[in-house]
Amino acid sequence: MKYEKTIGWLGMLLVQGASFPALYELIVMGKADLPPLSMVLMLQIGLALYFARALIQKDTVYLISNGIGFAIQTLLFCVIIYK
């Protein structure tokens, strides 16, 4: 069981960490291309549904991972709307 949790946490760090260089370029440097709004909205809805599932199943790794992912997509949504 501990092995499964470790793999889950490492996977979550890698997946969420992959978004930060692009976000840094976009927000701090102002140089990145913006993704389509429809893609960001679909990802937000999907992550919200995954979050609800993780909440029902009481899965901490997925709760944190999907919460972070939803926050990142919301940030991208705001950047797209207000840019």
Protein backbone atom coordinates (compact mmCIF):
# COMPACT_ATOMS: atom_id res chain seq x y z
CA MET A 1 0.00 0.00 0.00
CA LYS A 2 2.82 2.45 0.84
CA TYR A 3 4.44 1.72 -2.54
CA GLU A 4 1.21 2.65 -4.33
CA LYS A 5 0.98 5.97 -2.49
CA THR A 6 4.60 6.83 -3.24
CA ILE A 7 4.07 6.16 -6.94
CA GLY A 8 0.91 8.28 -6.87
CA TRP A 9 2.65 11.23 -5.19
CA LEU A 10 5.62 11.09 -7.57
CA GLY A 11 3.29 10.94 -10.56
CA MET A 12 1.32 13.90 -9.26
CA LEU A 13 4.50 15.96 -8.77
CA LEU A 14 5.69 15.20 -12.30
CA VAL A 15 2.34 15.93 -13.97
CA GLN A 16 1.70 19.16 -12.07
CA GLY A 17 5.33 20.24 -12.32
CA ALA A 18 5.19 19.97 -16.10
CA SER A 19 2.77 22.93 -16.19
CA PHE A 20 4.90 25.36 -14.22
CA PRO A 21 7.55 26.27 -16.86
CA ALA A 22 4.83 27.26 -19.35
CA LEU A 23 2.94 29.20 -16.68
CA TYR A 24 6.11 31.00 -15.66
CA GLU A 25 6.82 31.99 -19.26
CA LEU A 26 3.25 33.12 -19.75
CA ILE A 27 2.79 35.11 -16.54
CA VAL A 28 6.28 36.39 -15.70
CA MET A 29 7.92 36.60 -19.11
CA GLY A 30 4.74 37.21 -21.15
CA LYS A 31 6.08 35.08 -24.01
CA ALA A 32 4.06 31.86 -24.25
CA ASP A 33 1.28 31.09 -26.70
CA LEU A 34 -2.12 30.81 -25.05
CA PRO A 35 -4.11 27.58 -25.38
CA PRO A 36 -7.63 27.75 -26.82
CA LEU A 37 -10.31 28.78 -24.33
CA SER A 38 -12.40 25.71 -25.16
CA MET A 39 -9.52 23.42 -24.19
CA VAL A 40 -9.06 25.18 -20.85
CA LEU A 41 -12.80 25.00 -20.08
CA MET A 42 -12.97 21.29 -20.96
CA LEU A 43 -9.96 20.59 -18.73
CA GLN A 44 -11.54 22.56 -15.87
CA ILE A 45 -14.77 20.57 -16.12
CA GLY A 46 -12.89 17.27 -16.35
CA LEU A 47 -10.72 18.11 -13.35
CA ALA A 48 -13.76 19.17 -11.35
CA LEU A 49 -15.40 15.81 -12.08
CA TYR A 50 -12.22 13.94 -11.16
CA PHE A 51 -12.06 16.00 -7.97
CA ALA A 52 -15.65 15.03 -7.09
CA ARG A 53 -14.80 11.35 -7.68
CA ALA A 54 -11.68 11.61 -5.50
CA LEU A 55 -13.74 13.31 -2.79
CA ILE A 56 -16.28 10.48 -2.80
CA GLN A 57 -13.51 7.86 -2.70
CA LYS A 58 -11.48 9.86 -0.13
CA ASP A 59 -8.32 9.61 -2.27
CA THR A 60 -5.89 12.23 -0.96
CA VAL A 61 -3.42 12.04 -3.87
CA TYR A 62 -6.13 12.67 -6.45
CA LEU A 63 -7.80 15.36 -4.33
CA ILE A 64 -4.57 17.35 -4.15
CA SER A 65 -3.54 16.65 -7.74
CA ASN A 66 -6.89 17.58 -9.23
CA GLY A 67 -7.19 20.60 -6.95
CA ILE A 68 -3.81 21.89 -8.14
CA GLY A 69 -4.71 21.13 -11.75
CA PHE A 70 -8.01 22.96 -11.42
CA ALA A 71 -6.23 25.98 -9.91
CA ILE A 72 -3.72 26.05 -12.78
CA GLN A 73 -6.47 25.80 -15.40
CA THR A 74 -8.42 28.56 -13.64
CA LEU A 75 -5.31 30.74 -13.75
CA LEU A 76 -4.92 30.05 -17.47
CA PHE A 77 -8.61 30.81 -17.97
CA CYS A 78 -8.16 34.20 -16.28
CA VAL A 79 -5.04 35.00 -18.31
CA ILE A 80 -6.87 34.16 -21.55
CA ILE A 81 -9.92 36.23 -20.63
CA TYR A 82 -8.04 39.29 -19.37
CA LYS A 83 -5.17 39.37 -21.86
